[in-house]
Amino acid sequence: AVSVSSIGSSGLRELLGERPESFPPLPLLSAPRGDPPSFFVLTREAHAVAACEGEGEPRRRVEAWELHSLRRTTPEALFKRKVDLGEYGDALTWARAYGFCADGVRQAQWRESEVSRVAISDYLSKVASLRWVLAEAASRIPSEPDALAALLDHGVERCDAALCAAAAEDATTAQVGAGSKGGGVDLSGRDIAAWRRRLLRYRKRLRVWRAIAVAEAEASGGGGGDARLDTAAHSTFRDAHLTAAAASLAQSGRYAALAVLLRAHAAPAAPRRDCGWVLDAVAEVAEVADPADYAPLVTCALEQVLRTGDGGDEAGAETEGLRGLAMSPAVERALSRGGEAAAAAEEEAEAEEVAAERARTGGGGSGRIAYAGRVGACAWLCARVRQIEARSGLLDHAITLAEIGSESVAVFDGSGDGEGGGDLSRLLGRLRQLEPLVYELGAATSLQEFEGMSAADRLQLLLDLGEQQAADAERSSADAVDAYAEVLRARIWPSLARETQPAALLRDSAVAACA
């Protein structure tokens, strides 16, 4: 038998336990070699086996030779070796015998397992190091949405338990060594709270992702069930800033997905955020896209901003604007997974993140115009309408957006006449005045050029275009006067009527022409 003992004041202590290593008789030992020294043991063991030919044959003797390598080591090193070899049962036995933290075993078992509720219960929940557990909960993204939801829930629960324990001990800033018997709280209270906010944000983004999958499946006529996660895409989505995520969806024309994202963030935290982020997201839609296709987004985004009041983004804003985005029952169920308590925790975490962001930026957000109230909504509309016309040259798209916005402002004002906002109304008038010139008379005039003209110049442009069209009509008509009169009645006068004093303007032009 081989015995490994420690020499101390209390005498010899057997390090191999009650059953030391035993070798068959006649071991041969080599001389020690190396540093630290190690040596070989050659053993022989004999067995008597029956012959296979028949019972009458004599039993034969078989010898088994084994070569063992013995070296100096420690219980910690042996424990680590057991873990590395995947001999987890033996490793746990060593951990219990020598009082080691078993985290290494549970962590290795967790890494080798697919994320599931069973794996979370059997392995991750038994890891003492809170820092390691939260890092795993925040980094691993399984392809199954239910598994990811369970992982995030476990991380949040561990945070809640640690914060409660810290509060009970009045030790939010104390740190307990990892792997100790102090519950594995190896993070400060502030760090735990930050992890909790991150995990709650991930959990909400997962709900939004699932709702988006349902909404887009419905829009395409497919089923509405859960799809497997594209782990890389979901990682980008959940880590993206809210405005960046919304902008990405808008740029790719995913209007149903954008509606879900905006609807999901129509929450009590919204008033503490500059509500202009909603309009910024809508402004990322391609200028060549027809505003009629995303009209509900424009209407609800404008209502969100209109309700903030002209006093700023914290003037008692309501969130009914984005809540007005219509969702199917299946999408609503996907958004409400987890219940009201979970949603309330996520909204609280979102509000804290918003407050932290405002503190970092001095309360000014991104530094751009903070659209709020009627003035802000109209300012955004005017800027966006001009942008669409300038970038795409599609005057009809610019008119459509102006009409949608003007109606929204008018409804909010309670006028009910479909016109809202002074600057916006004037811009819409100019657009409608320019429309027949472009689409009927063939003008190559931009909105910027048209707005920069004087009333007399606009009239002259009308008359020149009308004369050209009348000349074209004269080729197919015997009466040139009748042709010009028809152009004047159907084309020129409707556009001229949008001027402030059309009759006086026409009279002055006639006098100047006769002078």
Protein backbone atom coordinates (compact mmCIF):
# COMPACT_ATOMS: atom_id res chain seq x y z
CA ALA A 1 0.00 0.00 0.00
CA VAL A 2 1.11 3.59 -0.66
CA SER A 3 0.40 6.22 1.98
CA VAL A 4 0.63 9.99 1.46
CA SER A 5 0.71 11.89 4.74
CA SER A 6 1.28 15.41 5.98
CA ILE A 7 3.66 16.20 8.82
CA GLY A 8 2.35 18.73 11.29
CA SER A 9 2.09 19.57 14.93
CA SER A 10 -0.94 17.29 15.20
CA GLY A 11 0.97 14.33 13.85
CA LEU A 12 0.62 12.43 10.61
CA ARG A 13 -2.55 13.00 8.58
CA GLU A 14 -3.44 10.64 5.75
CA LEU A 15 -4.11 12.78 2.68
CA LEU A 16 -5.57 9.96 0.61
CA GLY A 17 -8.41 9.28 3.04
CA GLU A 18 -9.26 6.09 4.81
CA ARG A 19 -8.34 3.90 1.84
CA PRO A 20 -4.78 4.54 0.65
CA GLU A 21 -3.68 3.45 -2.80
CA SER A 22 -2.90 -0.28 -2.96
CA PHE A 23 -0.68 -1.97 -5.48
CA PRO A 24 -0.37 -5.68 -6.29
CA PRO A 25 2.62 -7.51 -4.88
CA LEU A 26 6.12 -7.03 -6.14
CA PRO A 27 6.00 -3.39 -7.26
CA LEU A 28 9.17 -2.08 -8.89
CA LEU A 29 9.96 1.58 -8.17
CA SER A 30 12.21 3.76 -10.29
CA ALA A 31 14.53 6.39 -8.93
CA PRO A 32 12.99 9.87 -8.48
CA ARG A 33 13.47 12.18 -11.44
CA GLY A 34 12.69 15.81 -12.28
CA ASP A 35 11.67 18.81 -10.21
CA PRO A 36 9.31 18.36 -8.56
CA PRO A 37 10.45 14.74 -8.32
CA SER A 38 8.33 11.95 -9.77
CA PHE A 39 8.88 8.21 -10.17
CA PHE A 40 7.38 5.21 -11.89
CA VAL A 41 5.83 2.11 -10.34
CA LEU A 42 5.66 -1.13 -12.32
CA THR A 43 3.12 -3.62 -11.02
CA ARG A 44 2.16 -7.16 -11.91
CA GLU A 45 -1.09 -8.95 -11.26
CA ALA A 46 -1.83 -12.60 -12.10
CA HIS A 47 -5.23 -14.09 -13.00
CA ALA A 48 -6.27 -17.70 -13.54
CA VAL A 49 -8.74 -18.09 -16.41
CA ALA A 50 -10.49 -21.16 -17.78
CA ALA A 51 -9.60 -22.38 -21.20
CA CYS A 52 -12.18 -21.88 -23.96
CA GLU A 53 -11.81 -25.30 -25.61
CA GLY A 54 -13.64 -27.32 -22.97
CA GLU A 55 -14.22 -27.86 -19.32
CA GLY A 56 -11.58 -30.52 -19.10
CA GLU A 57 -8.78 -28.18 -20.12
CA PRO A 58 -6.57 -26.83 -17.29
CA ARG A 59 -6.95 -23.17 -16.19
CA ARG A 60 -4.32 -20.84 -17.55
CA ARG A 61 -2.48 -18.09 -15.75
CA VAL A 62 -2.58 -14.56 -17.23
CA GLU A 63 -0.39 -11.74 -15.97
CA ALA A 64 -1.34 -8.05 -16.18
CA TRP A 65 1.41 -5.43 -15.99
CA GLU A 66 0.70 -1.74 -15.28
CA LEU A 67 3.01 1.28 -15.23
CA HIS A 68 2.00 4.12 -12.90
CA SER A 69 3.51 7.58 -12.71
CA LEU A 70 3.50 9.15 -9.24
CA ARG A 71 4.31 12.81 -8.65
CA ARG A 72 4.03 15.35 -5.91
CA THR A 73 0.75 17.26 -6.05
CA THR A 74 -1.90 18.94 -3.88
CA PRO A 75 -5.57 18.28 -3.25
CA GLU A 76 -6.39 21.48 -5.18
CA ALA A 77 -4.44 20.29 -8.20
CA LEU A 78 -6.10 16.89 -8.08
CA PHE A 79 -9.51 18.56 -7.86
CA LYS A 80 -8.75 20.71 -10.89
CA ARG A 81 -7.54 17.67 -12.81
CA LYS A 82 -10.77 15.82 -12.07
CA VAL A 83 -12.74 18.79 -13.41
CA ASP A 84 -10.58 19.05 -16.53
CA LEU A 85 -11.07 15.34 -17.23
CA GLY A 86 -14.83 15.67 -16.82
CA GLU A 87 -14.86 13.36 -13.78
CA TYR A 88 -17.38 15.57 -12.03
CA GLY A 89 -18.56 13.00 -9.48
CA ASP A 90 -15.02 12.48 -8.20
CA ALA A 91 -14.42 16.25 -8.26
CA LEU A 92 -17.48 16.86 -6.09
CA THR A 93 -16.28 14.18 -3.67
CA TRP A 94 -12.92 15.96 -3.37
CA ALA A 95 -14.69 19.28 -2.89
CA ARG A 96 -16.77 17.91 -0.02
CA ALA A 97 -13.78 16.14 1.58
CA TYR A 98 -11.51 19.20 1.55
CA GLY A 99 -14.07 21.99 1.79
CA PHE A 100 -13.45 23.35 -1.71
CA CYS A 101 -15.93 25.58 -3.53
CA ALA A 102 -17.65 23.41 -6.12
CA ASP A 103 -18.18 26.29 -8.57
CA GLY A 104 -15.59 24.89 -10.94
CA VAL A 105 -17.60 21.69 -11.32
CA ARG A 106 -20.96 23.42 -11.81
CA GLN A 107 -19.48 25.94 -14.22
CA ALA A 108 -17.96 23.18 -16.36
CA GLN A 109 -21.24 21.25 -16.35
CA TRP A 110 -23.12 24.42 -17.32
CA ARG A 111 -20.78 25.16 -20.21
CA GLU A 112 -21.24 21.67 -21.59
CA SER A 113 -25.04 21.87 -21.43
CA GLU A 114 -27.60 23.47 -23.71
CA VAL A 115 -29.41 26.32 -21.98
CA SER A 116 -32.64 24.98 -20.52
CA ARG A 117 -34.67 25.19 -17.35
CA VAL A 118 -33.21 21.85 -16.25
CA ALA A 119 -29.62 23.00 -16.81
CA ILE A 120 -30.34 26.24 -14.96
CA SER A 121 -31.76 24.32 -12.02
CA ASP A 122 -29.10 21.60 -11.92
CA TYR A 123 -25.98 23.63 -12.59
CA LEU A 124 -26.25 27.43 -12.86
CA SER A 125 -28.38 27.85 -9.75
CA LYS A 126 -25.70 26.00 -7.74
CA VAL A 127 -22.86 28.36 -8.75
CA ALA A 128 -22.04 30.58 -5.79
CA SER A 129 -20.25 33.38 -7.68
CA LEU A 130 -22.89 35.97 -8.49
CA ARG A 131 -20.57 37.82 -10.85
CA TRP A 132 -20.06 34.68 -12.95
CA VAL A 133 -23.75 33.80 -12.98
CA LEU A 134 -24.80 37.28 -14.12
CA ALA A 135 -22.12 37.34 -16.80
CA GLU A 136 -23.47 34.04 -18.14
CA ALA A 137 -27.06 35.26 -18.00
CA ALA A 138 -26.11 38.38 -19.95
CA SER A 139 -23.87 36.73 -22.54
CA ARG A 140 -25.35 33.37 -23.52
CA ILE A 141 -28.06 33.52 -26.18
CA PRO A 142 -29.64 30.16 -26.94
CA SER A 143 -31.65 29.75 -30.12
CA GLU A 144 -34.81 28.90 -28.18
CA PRO A 145 -36.66 32.03 -26.94
CA ASP A 146 -38.14 30.19 -23.95
CA ALA A 147 -34.69 29.08 -22.82
CA LEU A 148 -33.35 32.62 -23.09
CA ALA A 149 -36.33 33.97 -21.14
CA ALA A 150 -35.68 31.43 -18.36
CA LEU A 151 -31.98 32.38 -18.25
CA LEU A 152 -32.75 36.11 -17.98
CA ASP A 153 -35.39 35.44 -15.33
CA HIS A 154 -32.85 33.50 -13.28
CA GLY A 155 -30.35 36.33 -13.52
CA VAL A 156 -32.93 38.88 -12.36
CA GLU A 157 -33.98 36.60 -9.49
CA ARG A 158 -30.37 36.23 -8.33
CA CYS A 159 -29.97 40.01 -8.43
CA ASP A 160 -33.15 40.52 -6.40
CA ALA A 161 -32.07 37.96 -3.81
CA ALA A 162 -28.60 39.52 -3.49
CA LEU A 163 -30.01 43.04 -3.15
CA CYS A 164 -32.48 41.92 -0.52
CA ALA A 165 -29.71 40.19 1.42
CA ALA A 166 -27.48 43.25 1.12
CA ALA A 167 -30.26 45.51 2.33
CA ALA A 168 -30.94 43.22 5.27
CA GLU A 169 -27.28 43.31 6.25
CA ASP A 170 -26.92 47.02 5.47
CA ALA A 171 -23.88 46.15 3.38
CA THR A 172 -24.55 47.44 -0.13
CA THR A 173 -20.92 48.49 -0.54
CA ALA A 174 -19.28 45.54 1.21
CA GLN A 175 -17.70 42.92 -0.95
CA VAL A 176 -17.51 39.27 -0.03
CA GLY A 177 -14.86 37.14 -1.67
CA ALA A 178 -15.98 34.98 -4.56
CA GLY A 179 -16.52 31.37 -3.65
CA SER A 180 -16.85 32.07 0.05
CA LYS A 181 -19.65 30.85 2.24
CA GLY A 182 -21.18 34.33 2.21
CA GLY A 183 -23.71 33.53 -0.50
CA GLY A 184 -21.36 34.20 -3.40
CA VAL A 185 -22.07 37.95 -3.38
CA ASP A 186 -18.86 39.11 -5.08
CA LEU A 187 -20.36 42.39 -6.34
CA SER A 188 -21.27 45.67 -4.71
CA GLY A 189 -24.90 46.72 -4.41
CA ARG A 190 -24.41 49.33 -7.12
CA ASP A 191 -22.94 46.78 -9.50
CA ILE A 192 -25.76 44.34 -8.83
CA ALA A 193 -28.32 47.05 -9.58
CA ALA A 194 -26.56 47.82 -12.88
CA TRP A 195 -26.58 44.13 -13.85
CA ARG A 196 -30.26 43.96 -12.95
CA ARG A 197 -31.12 46.91 -15.22
CA ARG A 198 -29.20 45.31 -18.06
CA LEU A 199 -30.93 41.95 -17.67
CA LEU A 200 -34.34 43.61 -17.45
CA ARG A 201 -33.60 45.52 -20.66
CA TYR A 202 -32.61 42.26 -22.34
CA ARG A 203 -35.78 40.63 -21.09
CA LYS A 204 -37.93 43.41 -22.49
CA ARG A 205 -36.11 43.36 -25.81
CA LEU A 206 -36.74 39.62 -25.99
CA ARG A 207 -40.47 40.21 -25.53
CA VAL A 208 -40.36 42.90 -28.21
CA TRP A 209 -38.45 40.57 -30.55
CA ARG A 210 -41.05 37.85 -30.08
CA ALA A 211 -43.88 40.31 -30.71
CA ILE A 212 -42.10 41.57 -33.84
CA ALA A 213 -41.78 37.98 -35.10
CA VAL A 214 -45.53 37.48 -34.60
CA ALA A 215 -46.45 40.81 -36.24
CA GLU A 216 -44.27 40.23 -39.29
CA ALA A 217 -45.51 36.66 -39.64
CA GLU A 218 -49.08 37.95 -39.61
CA ALA A 219 -48.23 40.66 -42.13
CA SER A 220 -46.78 38.08 -44.50
CA GLY A 221 -49.74 35.76 -44.08
CA GLY A 222 -47.79 33.13 -42.18
CA GLY A 223 -48.33 31.55 -38.76
CA GLY A 224 -47.58 33.66 -35.69
CA GLY A 225 -45.64 31.20 -33.61
CA ASP A 226 -42.29 31.69 -31.95
CA ALA A 227 -39.34 31.52 -34.31
CA ARG A 228 -35.86 30.41 -33.36
CA LEU A 229 -33.49 33.19 -32.47
CA ASP A 230 -30.79 34.35 -34.83
CA THR A 231 -28.31 34.74 -31.99
CA ALA A 232 -26.05 37.26 -33.73
CA ALA A 233 -28.95 39.45 -34.90
CA HIS A 234 -30.65 39.29 -31.52
CA SER A 235 -27.43 40.21 -29.73
CA THR A 236 -27.14 43.33 -31.89
CA PHE A 237 -30.82 44.18 -31.42
CA ARG A 238 -30.87 43.92 -27.64
CA ASP A 239 -27.63 45.86 -27.14
CA ALA A 240 -28.60 48.66 -29.52
CA HIS A 241 -29.77 51.98 -28.13
CA LEU A 242 -33.52 52.32 -28.47
CA THR A 243 -33.25 55.08 -31.06
CA ALA A 244 -30.69 53.10 -33.07
CA ALA A 245 -32.89 49.99 -33.03
CA ALA A 246 -35.89 52.02 -34.20
CA ALA A 247 -33.83 53.71 -36.92
CA SER A 248 -32.60 50.35 -38.22
CA LEU A 249 -36.15 49.03 -38.52
CA ALA A 250 -37.32 52.22 -40.24
CA GLN A 251 -34.48 52.23 -42.75
CA SER A 252 -35.23 48.64 -43.75
CA GLY A 253 -38.94 49.39 -44.25
CA ARG A 254 -40.06 47.06 -41.45
CA TYR A 255 -43.05 49.18 -40.46
CA ALA A 256 -44.85 46.43 -38.53
CA ALA A 257 -41.71 45.80 -36.48
CA LEU A 258 -41.19 49.51 -35.86
CA ALA A 259 -44.80 49.84 -34.71
CA VAL A 260 -44.27 47.04 -32.19
CA LEU A 261 -41.06 48.62 -30.89
CA LEU A 262 -42.71 52.02 -30.44
CA ARG A 263 -45.80 50.47 -28.90
CA ALA A 264 -43.70 48.51 -26.42
CA HIS A 265 -42.08 51.71 -25.17
CA ALA A 266 -45.29 53.67 -24.72
CA ALA A 267 -44.74 53.49 -21.00
CA PRO A 268 -44.53 55.75 -17.93
CA ALA A 269 -40.82 56.12 -18.60
CA ALA A 270 -41.53 57.89 -21.88
CA PRO A 271 -42.30 61.34 -20.40
CA ARG A 272 -38.83 61.40 -18.89
CA ARG A 273 -37.34 60.85 -22.33
CA ASP A 274 -37.28 63.41 -25.09
CA CYS A 275 -40.29 62.19 -27.07
CA GLY A 276 -38.69 63.48 -30.25
CA TRP A 277 -36.86 60.15 -30.51
CA VAL A 278 -40.11 58.74 -31.90
CA LEU A 279 -40.15 61.29 -34.72
CA ASP A 280 -36.45 60.71 -35.29
CA ALA A 281 -37.21 57.04 -35.85
CA VAL A 282 -39.99 57.81 -38.35
CA ALA A 283 -37.65 60.23 -40.14
CA GLU A 284 -35.32 57.31 -40.91
CA VAL A 285 -37.87 55.83 -43.33
CA ALA A 286 -36.60 56.11 -46.90
CA GLU A 287 -37.73 59.28 -48.66
CA VAL A 288 -38.93 57.26 -51.65
CA ALA A 289 -41.38 55.33 -49.47
CA ASP A 290 -45.02 56.38 -49.69
CA PRO A 291 -46.04 57.98 -46.36
CA ALA A 292 -49.45 56.38 -46.76
CA ASP A 293 -47.76 53.03 -46.10
CA TYR A 294 -46.59 54.13 -42.65
CA ALA A 295 -49.30 56.69 -41.86
CA PRO A 296 -50.29 55.04 -38.52
CA LEU A 297 -46.71 55.45 -37.32
CA VAL A 298 -46.69 59.13 -38.25
CA THR A 299 -50.06 59.78 -36.64
CA CYS A 300 -49.26 58.05 -33.35
CA ALA A 301 -45.76 59.51 -33.16
CA LEU A 302 -47.14 63.01 -33.66
CA GLU A 303 -49.80 62.41 -31.02
CA GLN A 304 -47.10 61.27 -28.61
CA VAL A 305 -45.21 64.52 -29.13
CA LEU A 306 -48.33 66.71 -29.19
CA ARG A 307 -49.34 65.39 -25.79
CA THR A 308 -46.06 66.47 -24.21
CA GLY A 309 -47.19 70.07 -24.32
CA ASP A 310 -45.27 73.07 -25.55
CA GLY A 311 -43.50 73.43 -22.20
CA GLY A 312 -41.00 70.68 -22.86
CA ASP A 313 -40.67 66.95 -22.67
CA GLU A 314 -41.46 66.78 -18.94
CA ALA A 315 -44.63 68.88 -18.98
CA GLY A 316 -46.98 66.12 -17.83
CA ALA A 317 -46.79 64.06 -20.98
CA GLU A 318 -49.19 61.19 -21.58
CA THR A 319 -48.44 58.08 -23.58
CA GLU A 320 -51.71 57.43 -25.32
CA GLY A 321 -50.16 58.36 -28.67
CA LEU A 322 -48.01 55.28 -29.06
CA ARG A 323 -50.53 53.15 -27.21
CA GLY A 324 -52.89 53.95 -30.07
CA LEU A 325 -50.87 51.78 -32.44
CA ALA A 326 -53.24 48.92 -33.23
CA MET A 327 -51.87 45.46 -32.48
CA SER A 328 -53.42 42.05 -33.01
CA PRO A 329 -54.32 39.96 -29.93
CA ALA A 330 -51.39 37.64 -30.68
CA VAL A 331 -48.92 40.55 -30.70
CA GLU A 332 -50.41 41.97 -27.51
CA ARG A 333 -50.00 38.58 -25.82
CA ALA A 334 -46.36 38.44 -26.90
CA LEU A 335 -45.76 41.92 -25.51
CA SER A 336 -47.37 41.08 -22.18
CA ARG A 337 -45.46 37.84 -21.50
CA GLY A 338 -44.34 37.64 -17.90
CA GLY A 339 -47.26 39.53 -16.38
CA GLU A 340 -47.72 43.00 -14.94
CA ALA A 341 -45.11 42.62 -12.20
CA ALA A 342 -42.37 41.81 -14.71
CA ALA A 343 -43.46 44.67 -16.97
CA ALA A 344 -43.45 47.10 -14.04
CA ALA A 345 -39.90 46.08 -13.11
CA GLU A 346 -38.75 46.55 -16.70
CA GLU A 347 -40.37 49.98 -16.95
CA GLU A 348 -38.74 51.03 -13.68
CA ALA A 349 -35.36 49.88 -14.96
CA GLU A 350 -35.94 51.74 -18.23
CA ALA A 351 -36.77 54.92 -16.34
CA GLU A 352 -33.56 54.57 -14.35
CA GLU A 353 -31.55 54.12 -17.55
CA VAL A 354 -33.19 57.19 -19.07
CA ALA A 355 -32.40 59.21 -15.97
CA ALA A 356 -28.79 58.02 -16.04
CA GLU A 357 -28.50 58.93 -19.72
CA ARG A 358 -29.88 62.41 -19.09
CA ALA A 359 -27.44 62.84 -16.21
CA ARG A 360 -24.51 61.91 -18.47
CA THR A 361 -25.60 64.34 -21.18
CA GLY A 362 -26.50 67.14 -18.80
CA GLY A 363 -30.22 66.64 -19.37
CA GLY A 364 -30.03 67.63 -22.99
CA GLY A 365 -30.32 64.27 -24.68
CA SER A 366 -28.62 64.05 -28.05
CA GLY A 367 -28.23 67.77 -28.48
CA ARG A 368 -30.70 68.10 -31.39
CA ILE A 369 -34.08 69.84 -31.32
CA ALA A 370 -36.25 68.47 -28.53
CA TYR A 371 -39.57 68.26 -30.37
CA ALA A 372 -42.42 68.81 -27.94
CA GLY A 373 -46.00 69.99 -28.18
CA ARG A 374 -47.79 71.51 -31.15
CA VAL A 375 -44.90 73.79 -32.12
CA GLY A 376 -42.42 70.91 -32.07
CA ALA A 377 -44.68 68.58 -34.06
CA CYS A 378 -45.28 71.19 -36.76
CA ALA A 379 -41.58 72.06 -36.90
CA TRP A 380 -40.70 68.41 -37.45
CA LEU A 381 -43.36 67.99 -40.12
CA CYS A 382 -42.23 71.04 -42.08
CA ALA A 383 -38.59 69.94 -41.94
CA ARG A 384 -39.38 66.36 -42.93
CA VAL A 385 -41.70 67.36 -45.80
CA ARG A 386 -39.02 69.60 -47.29
CA GLN A 387 -36.44 66.85 -46.79
CA ILE A 388 -38.53 64.28 -48.66
CA GLU A 389 -39.12 66.62 -51.62
CA ALA A 390 -35.48 67.72 -51.77
CA ARG A 391 -33.95 64.25 -51.55
CA SER A 392 -36.38 62.26 -53.66
CA GLY A 393 -38.02 64.87 -55.90
CA LEU A 394 -41.33 63.14 -55.16
CA LEU A 395 -43.64 66.05 -54.54
CA ASP A 396 -46.65 63.77 -54.09
CA HIS A 397 -44.96 61.98 -51.17
CA ALA A 398 -44.21 65.30 -49.53
CA ILE A 399 -47.85 66.35 -49.95
CA THR A 400 -49.09 63.06 -48.49
CA LEU A 401 -46.96 63.45 -45.36
CA ALA A 402 -48.00 67.08 -44.96
CA GLU A 403 -51.67 66.12 -45.23
CA ILE A 404 -51.31 63.30 -42.69
CA GLY A 405 -49.52 65.57 -40.25
CA SER A 406 -51.83 68.50 -40.80
CA GLU A 407 -54.86 66.33 -40.08
CA SER A 408 -53.26 64.99 -36.90
CA VAL A 409 -52.51 68.48 -35.62
CA ALA A 410 -56.01 69.65 -36.52
CA VAL A 411 -57.62 66.73 -34.69
CA PHE A 412 -55.48 67.41 -31.63
CA ASP A 413 -56.43 71.10 -31.78
CA GLY A 414 -60.08 70.15 -32.08
CA SER A 415 -60.61 72.22 -35.21
CA GLY A 416 -61.72 69.21 -37.25
CA ASP A 417 -61.08 71.02 -40.53
CA GLY A 418 -58.11 68.91 -41.56
CA GLU A 419 -55.73 71.86 -41.39
CA GLY A 420 -53.40 72.44 -38.45
CA GLY A 421 -50.41 74.62 -37.62
CA GLY A 422 -49.73 78.01 -39.19
CA ASP A 423 -46.38 77.23 -40.78
CA LEU A 424 -47.55 73.76 -41.71
CA SER A 425 -50.74 75.09 -43.33
CA ARG A 426 -48.76 77.59 -45.38
CA LEU A 427 -46.35 74.90 -46.48
CA LEU A 428 -49.19 72.60 -47.47
CA GLY A 429 -50.69 75.44 -49.48
CA ARG A 430 -47.44 75.95 -51.37
CA LEU A 431 -47.18 72.22 -52.03
CA ARG A 432 -50.69 72.08 -53.46
CA GLN A 433 -49.97 75.18 -55.50
CA LEU A 434 -46.82 73.61 -56.93
CA GLU A 435 -48.44 70.22 -57.57
CA PRO A 436 -50.29 71.07 -60.84
CA LEU A 437 -47.26 72.98 -62.10
CA VAL A 438 -45.09 69.88 -61.72
CA TYR A 439 -47.48 67.09 -62.66
CA GLU A 440 -49.73 68.86 -65.18
CA LEU A 441 -47.75 71.74 -66.63
CA GLY A 442 -44.36 69.99 -66.53
CA ALA A 443 -42.46 72.47 -64.37
CA ALA A 444 -38.97 71.44 -63.27
CA THR A 445 -39.14 73.69 -60.21
CA SER A 446 -38.22 72.43 -56.75
CA LEU A 447 -40.11 73.34 -53.61
CA GLN A 448 -37.17 75.37 -52.34
CA GLU A 449 -37.04 77.37 -55.58
CA PHE A 450 -40.80 77.86 -55.59
CA GLU A 451 -40.88 79.09 -51.98
CA GLY A 452 -38.05 81.50 -52.76
CA MET A 453 -39.98 83.19 -55.55
CA SER A 454 -41.99 86.35 -55.11
CA ALA A 455 -45.71 86.26 -55.82
CA ALA A 456 -45.11 88.03 -59.15
CA ASP A 457 -42.46 85.47 -60.13
CA ARG A 458 -44.79 82.61 -59.29
CA LEU A 459 -47.50 84.18 -61.44
CA GLN A 460 -45.10 84.64 -64.32
CA LEU A 461 -44.05 80.99 -64.04
CA LEU A 462 -47.73 80.01 -64.19
CA LEU A 463 -48.38 82.15 -67.25
CA ASP A 464 -45.30 80.86 -69.07
CA LEU A 465 -46.21 77.24 -68.39
CA GLY A 466 -49.83 77.90 -69.35
CA GLU A 467 -48.80 79.53 -72.61
CA GLN A 468 -46.64 76.54 -73.47
CA GLN A 469 -49.46 74.11 -72.73
CA ALA A 470 -51.94 76.23 -74.69
CA ALA A 471 -49.57 76.16 -77.66
CA ASP A 472 -49.45 72.38 -77.42
CA ALA A 473 -53.25 72.24 -77.23
CA GLU A 474 -53.63 74.62 -80.19
CA ARG A 475 -52.11 72.04 -82.52
CA SER A 476 -55.15 69.85 -81.98
CA SER A 477 -57.71 72.69 -81.79
CA ALA A 478 -58.91 75.24 -84.33
CA ASP A 479 -59.40 77.99 -81.72
CA ALA A 480 -56.22 79.09 -79.92
CA VAL A 481 -58.22 81.42 -77.65
CA ASP A 482 -60.42 78.61 -76.46
CA ALA A 483 -57.37 76.43 -75.82
CA TYR A 484 -55.69 79.10 -73.71
CA ALA A 485 -58.93 79.82 -71.83
CA GLU A 486 -59.24 76.17 -70.93
CA VAL A 487 -55.66 76.07 -69.63
CA LEU A 488 -56.29 79.28 -67.67
CA ARG A 489 -59.46 77.90 -66.11
CA ALA A 490 -58.28 74.37 -65.35
CA ARG A 491 -54.59 74.88 -64.58
CA ILE A 492 -53.54 78.44 -63.89
CA TRP A 493 -56.41 79.83 -61.87
CA PRO A 494 -56.58 77.00 -59.24
CA SER A 495 -52.89 77.51 -58.49
CA LEU A 496 -53.17 81.31 -58.59
CA ALA A 497 -56.13 81.19 -56.20
CA ARG A 498 -53.82 79.99 -53.42
CA GLU A 499 -52.02 83.34 -53.38
CA THR A 500 -53.04 85.89 -50.76
CA GLN A 501 -54.62 88.36 -53.25
CA PRO A 502 -54.84 86.56 -56.59
CA ALA A 503 -57.05 89.12 -58.36
CA ALA A 504 -54.82 92.05 -57.44
CA LEU A 505 -51.75 90.07 -58.39
CA LEU A 506 -53.21 89.23 -61.81
CA ARG A 507 -54.28 92.85 -62.37
CA ASP A 508 -50.83 94.19 -61.50
CA SER A 509 -49.28 91.70 -63.87
CA ALA A 510 -51.60 92.76 -66.69
CA VAL A 511 -50.85 96.46 -66.09
CA ALA A 512 -47.12 95.78 -66.10
CA ALA A 513 -47.43 93.82 -69.35
CA CYS A 514 -49.30 96.70 -71.06
CA ALA A 515 -46.93 99.41 -69.85
